[in-house]
C-alpha atoms as a PDB file:
ATOM      1  CA  MET A   1     119.226 106.950 102.687  1.00  0.00           C
ATOM      2  CA  SER A   2     118.283 104.381  99.926  1.00  0.00           C
ATOM      3  CA  THR A   3     115.125 104.398  97.768  1.00  0.00           C
ATOM      4  CA  ALA A   4     113.825 101.148  99.348  1.00  0.00           C
ATOM      5  CA  TYR A   5     114.108 102.943 102.870  1.00  0.00           C
ATOM      6  CA  ARG A   6     112.273 105.869 101.784  1.00  0.00           C
ATOM      7  CA  VAL A   7     109.622 103.837 100.177  1.00  0.00           C
ATOM      8  CA  GLY A   8     109.141 101.773 103.118  1.00  0.00           C
ATOM      9  CA  LEU A   9     108.843 104.708 105.485  1.00  0.00           C
ATOM     10  CA  VAL A  10     106.211 106.073 103.159  1.00  0.00           C
ATOM     11  CA  LEU A  11     104.126 102.957 103.174  1.00  0.00           C
ATOM     12  CA  LEU A  12     104.397 102.600 106.982  1.00  0.00           C
ATOM     13  CA  GLY A  13     103.551 106.343 107.669  1.00  0.00           C
ATOM     14  CA  LEU A  14     100.368 105.924 105.182  1.00  0.00           C
ATOM     15  CA  ILE A  15      99.333 102.733 107.099  1.00  0.00           C
ATOM     16  CA  SER A  16     100.022 104.536 110.323  1.00  0.00           C
ATOM     17  CA  LEU A  17      97.524 107.321 109.142  1.00  0.00           C
ATOM     18  CA  GLY A  18      94.833 104.646 108.623  1.00  0.00           C
ATOM     19  CA  ASP A  19      95.342 103.325 112.052  1.00  0.00           C
ATOM     20  CA  LEU A  20      95.127 106.690 113.479  1.00  0.00           C
ATOM     21  CA  ALA A  21      91.680 107.133 111.921  1.00  0.00           C
ATOM     22  CA  ALA A  22      90.341 103.742 112.751  1.00  0.00           C
ATOM     23  CA  PRO A  23      88.249 104.882 115.711  1.00  0.00           C
ATOM     24  CA  LEU A  24      86.246 107.210 113.406  1.00  0.00           C
ATOM     25  CA  LEU A  25      85.684 104.620 110.813  1.00  0.00           C
ATOM     26  CA  THR A  26      84.559 101.619 113.035  1.00  0.00           C
ATOM     27  CA  ASP A  27      80.997 100.731 114.116  1.00  0.00           C
ATOM     28  CA  GLY A  28      82.273  99.568 117.491  1.00  0.00           C
ATOM     29  CA  GLN A  29      81.844  95.954 116.201  1.00  0.00           C
ATOM     30  CA  THR A  30      84.253  95.650 113.341  1.00  0.00           C
ATOM     31  CA  PRO A  31      86.795  96.080 114.648  1.00  0.00           C
ATOM     32  CA  PRO A  32      85.787  96.257 118.246  1.00  0.00           C
ATOM     33  CA  MET A  33      86.483  99.765 119.555  1.00  0.00           C
ATOM     34  CA  PHE A  34      89.272  98.751 121.863  1.00  0.00           C
ATOM     35  CA  ILE A  35      91.148  97.278 118.979  1.00  0.00           C
ATOM     36  CA  ALA A  36      90.638 100.533 117.017  1.00  0.00           C
ATOM     37  CA  LEU A  37      91.775 102.531 119.852  1.00  0.00           C
ATOM     38  CA  ILE A  38      95.163 100.385 120.372  1.00  0.00           C
ATOM     39  CA  GLY A  39      95.641 100.672 116.607  1.00  0.00           C
ATOM     40  CA  SER A  40      95.195 104.313 116.844  1.00  0.00           C
ATOM     41  CA  ALA A  41      97.786 104.604 119.549  1.00  0.00           C
ATOM     42  CA  LEU A  42     100.098 102.544 117.507  1.00  0.00           C
ATOM     43  CA  GLY A  43      99.573 104.524 114.473  1.00  0.00           C
ATOM     44  CA  LEU A  44     100.440 107.704 116.566  1.00  0.00           C
ATOM     45  CA  LEU A  45     103.683 106.407 117.826  1.00  0.00           C
ATOM     46  CA  SER A  46     104.559 105.020 114.328  1.00  0.00           C
ATOM     47  CA  LEU A  47     104.039 108.506 112.678  1.00  0.00           C
ATOM     48  CA  ILE A  48     106.509 109.751 115.447  1.00  0.00           C
ATOM     49  CA  LEU A  49     109.037 107.015 114.768  1.00  0.00           C
ATOM     50  CA  VAL A  50     108.647 107.574 110.801  1.00  0.00           C
ATOM     51  CA  VAL A  51     109.537 111.293 111.227  1.00  0.00           C
ATOM     52  CA  LEU A  52     112.595 110.261 113.646  1.00  0.00           C
ATOM     53  CA  ALA A  53     113.671 107.335 110.980  1.00  0.00           C
ATOM     54  CA  TRP A  54     113.492 109.828 107.902  1.00  0.00           C
ATOM     55  CA  ARG A  55     115.860 112.106 109.944  1.00  0.00           C
ATOM     56  CA  GLY A  56     118.210 109.132 110.102  1.00  0.00           C
ATOM     57  CA  ARG A  57     117.848 107.596 113.491  1.00  0.00           C
ATOM     58  CA  VAL A  58     118.309 103.847 113.041  1.00  0.00           C
ATOM     59  CA  ALA A  59     116.642 103.216 116.500  1.00  0.00           C
ATOM     60  CA  ALA A  60     113.666 104.811 115.415  1.00  0.00           C
ATOM     61  CA  ALA A  61     113.469 102.756 112.205  1.00  0.00           C
ATOM     62  CA  ILE A  62     113.823  99.559 114.077  1.00  0.00           C
ATOM     63  CA  GLY A  63     111.220 100.664 116.454  1.00  0.00           C
ATOM     64  CA  LEU A  64     108.909 101.375 113.854  1.00  0.00           C
ATOM     65  CA  VAL A  65     109.288  98.028 112.249  1.00  0.00           C
ATOM     66  CA  VAL A  66     108.396  96.504 115.617  1.00  0.00           C
ATOM     67  CA  VAL A  67     105.438  98.690 116.357  1.00  0.00           C
ATOM     68  CA  ARG A  68     104.091  98.113 112.752  1.00  0.00           C
ATOM     69  CA  LEU A  69     104.463  94.473 113.051  1.00  0.00           C
ATOM     70  CA  LEU A  70     102.520  94.642 116.490  1.00  0.00           C
ATOM     71  CA  SER A  71      99.794  96.675 114.909  1.00  0.00           C
ATOM     72  CA  ALA A  72      99.554  94.175 111.944  1.00  0.00           C
ATOM     73  CA  LEU A  73      99.192  91.517 114.529  1.00  0.00           C
ATOM     74  CA  THR A  74      95.971  93.331 115.675  1.00  0.00           C
ATOM     75  CA  ALA A  75      94.339  92.688 112.361  1.00  0.00           C
ATOM     76  CA  VAL A  76      94.767  88.669 112.599  1.00  0.00           C
ATOM     77  CA  PRO A  77      91.621  88.113 114.546  1.00  0.00           C
ATOM     78  CA  ALA A  78      89.642  89.670 111.538  1.00  0.00           C
ATOM     79  CA  PHE A  79      90.366  86.227 109.934  1.00  0.00           C
ATOM     80  CA  LEU A  80      89.763  84.046 112.835  1.00  0.00           C
ATOM     81  CA  GLU A  81      86.173  85.369 113.788  1.00  0.00           C
ATOM     82  CA  PRO A  82      83.399  84.091 111.432  1.00  0.00           C
ATOM     83  CA  SER A  83      81.179  87.074 111.751  1.00  0.00           C
ATOM     84  CA  VAL A  84      83.603  89.601 110.468  1.00  0.00           C
ATOM     85  CA  PRO A  85      82.350  90.887 107.051  1.00  0.00           C
ATOM     86  CA  LEU A  86      84.153  90.687 103.978  1.00  0.00           C
ATOM     87  CA  VAL A  87      85.096  94.480 103.403  1.00  0.00           C
ATOM     88  CA  PRO A  88      86.910  94.616 106.889  1.00  0.00           C
ATOM     89  CA  MET A  89      88.496  91.399 106.403  1.00  0.00           C
ATOM     90  CA  THR A  90      89.904  92.354 102.929  1.00  0.00           C
ATOM     91  CA  LEU A  91      91.085  95.761 104.383  1.00  0.00           C
ATOM     92  CA  ALA A  92      92.959  93.971 107.217  1.00  0.00           C
ATOM     93  CA  GLY A  93      94.502  91.637 104.820  1.00  0.00           C
ATOM     94  CA  ILE A  94      95.480  94.669 102.669  1.00  0.00           C
ATOM     95  CA  ALA A  95      96.895  96.411 105.816  1.00  0.00           C
ATOM     96  CA  ILE A  96      98.933  93.264 106.720  1.00  0.00           C
ATOM     97  CA  VAL A  97     100.601  92.994 103.242  1.00  0.00           C
ATOM     98  CA  VAL A  98     101.298  96.878 103.066  1.00  0.00           C
ATOM     99  CA  THR A  99     102.995  96.653 106.452  1.00  0.00           C
ATOM    100  CA  LEU A 100     105.051  93.634 105.522  1.00  0.00           C
ATOM    101  CA  VAL A 101     106.083  95.292 102.251  1.00  0.00           C
ATOM    102  CA  GLY A 102     107.023  98.548 104.022  1.00  0.00           C
ATOM    103  CA  VAL A 103     108.951  96.578 106.762  1.00  0.00           C
ATOM    104  CA  GLY A 104     110.778  94.544 104.209  1.00  0.00           C
ATOM    105  CA  CYS A 105     111.981  97.932 102.333  1.00  0.00           C
ATOM    106  CA  VAL A 106     112.934  99.447 105.761  1.00  0.00           C
ATOM    107  CA  LEU A 107     114.952  96.389 106.813  1.00  0.00           C
ATOM    108  CA  ALA A 108     116.645  96.266 103.203  1.00  0.00           C
ATOM    109  CA  GLY A 109     117.412  99.875 103.365  1.00  0.00           C
ATOM    110  CA  LEU A 110     119.071  99.439 106.890  1.00  0.00           C
ATOM    111  CA  ARG A 111     121.358  96.929 105.510  1.00  0.00           C
ATOM    112  CA  ARG A 112     124.997  98.129 105.002  1.00  0.00           C
ATOM    113  CA  PRO A 113     126.924  96.550 102.249  1.00  0.00           C
ATOM    114  CA  ALA A 114     129.916  94.439 103.359  1.00  0.00           C
ATOM    115  CA  LEU A 115     133.152  95.776 103.051  1.00  0.00           C
ATOM    116  CA  ALA A 116     135.058  94.624  99.885  1.00  0.00           C
ATOM    117  CA  GLY A 117     137.516  91.944 100.702  1.00  0.00           C
ATOM    118  CA  ALA A 118     136.239  91.382 104.353  1.00  0.00           C
ATOM    119  CA  ARG A 119     135.518  87.912 105.150  1.00  0.00           C
END
């Protein structure tokens, strides 16, 4: 397991913990409770996938990447709705960036080097 892969799993795990706590941190408006609950469910699923991916399951790592990207998409409306305050919008942006970095690290760690001499 490469360092990049581990770093990616840790970043995605930390973002997942944040998603898990979202229903406790929302005022019901920003983000709306249904978005916070969806994010929380995705966070729980992500944490399970992080554990499985850490144990070497490639399918879990790929599933984690998909789930985290879906979770990041739930933050996009924060930039489209004019009534969203600056702090939640900033946190959504940070979450998206950290997710993209984590996904990039996991995918880089999944790459297998080409065999020498193979064409």
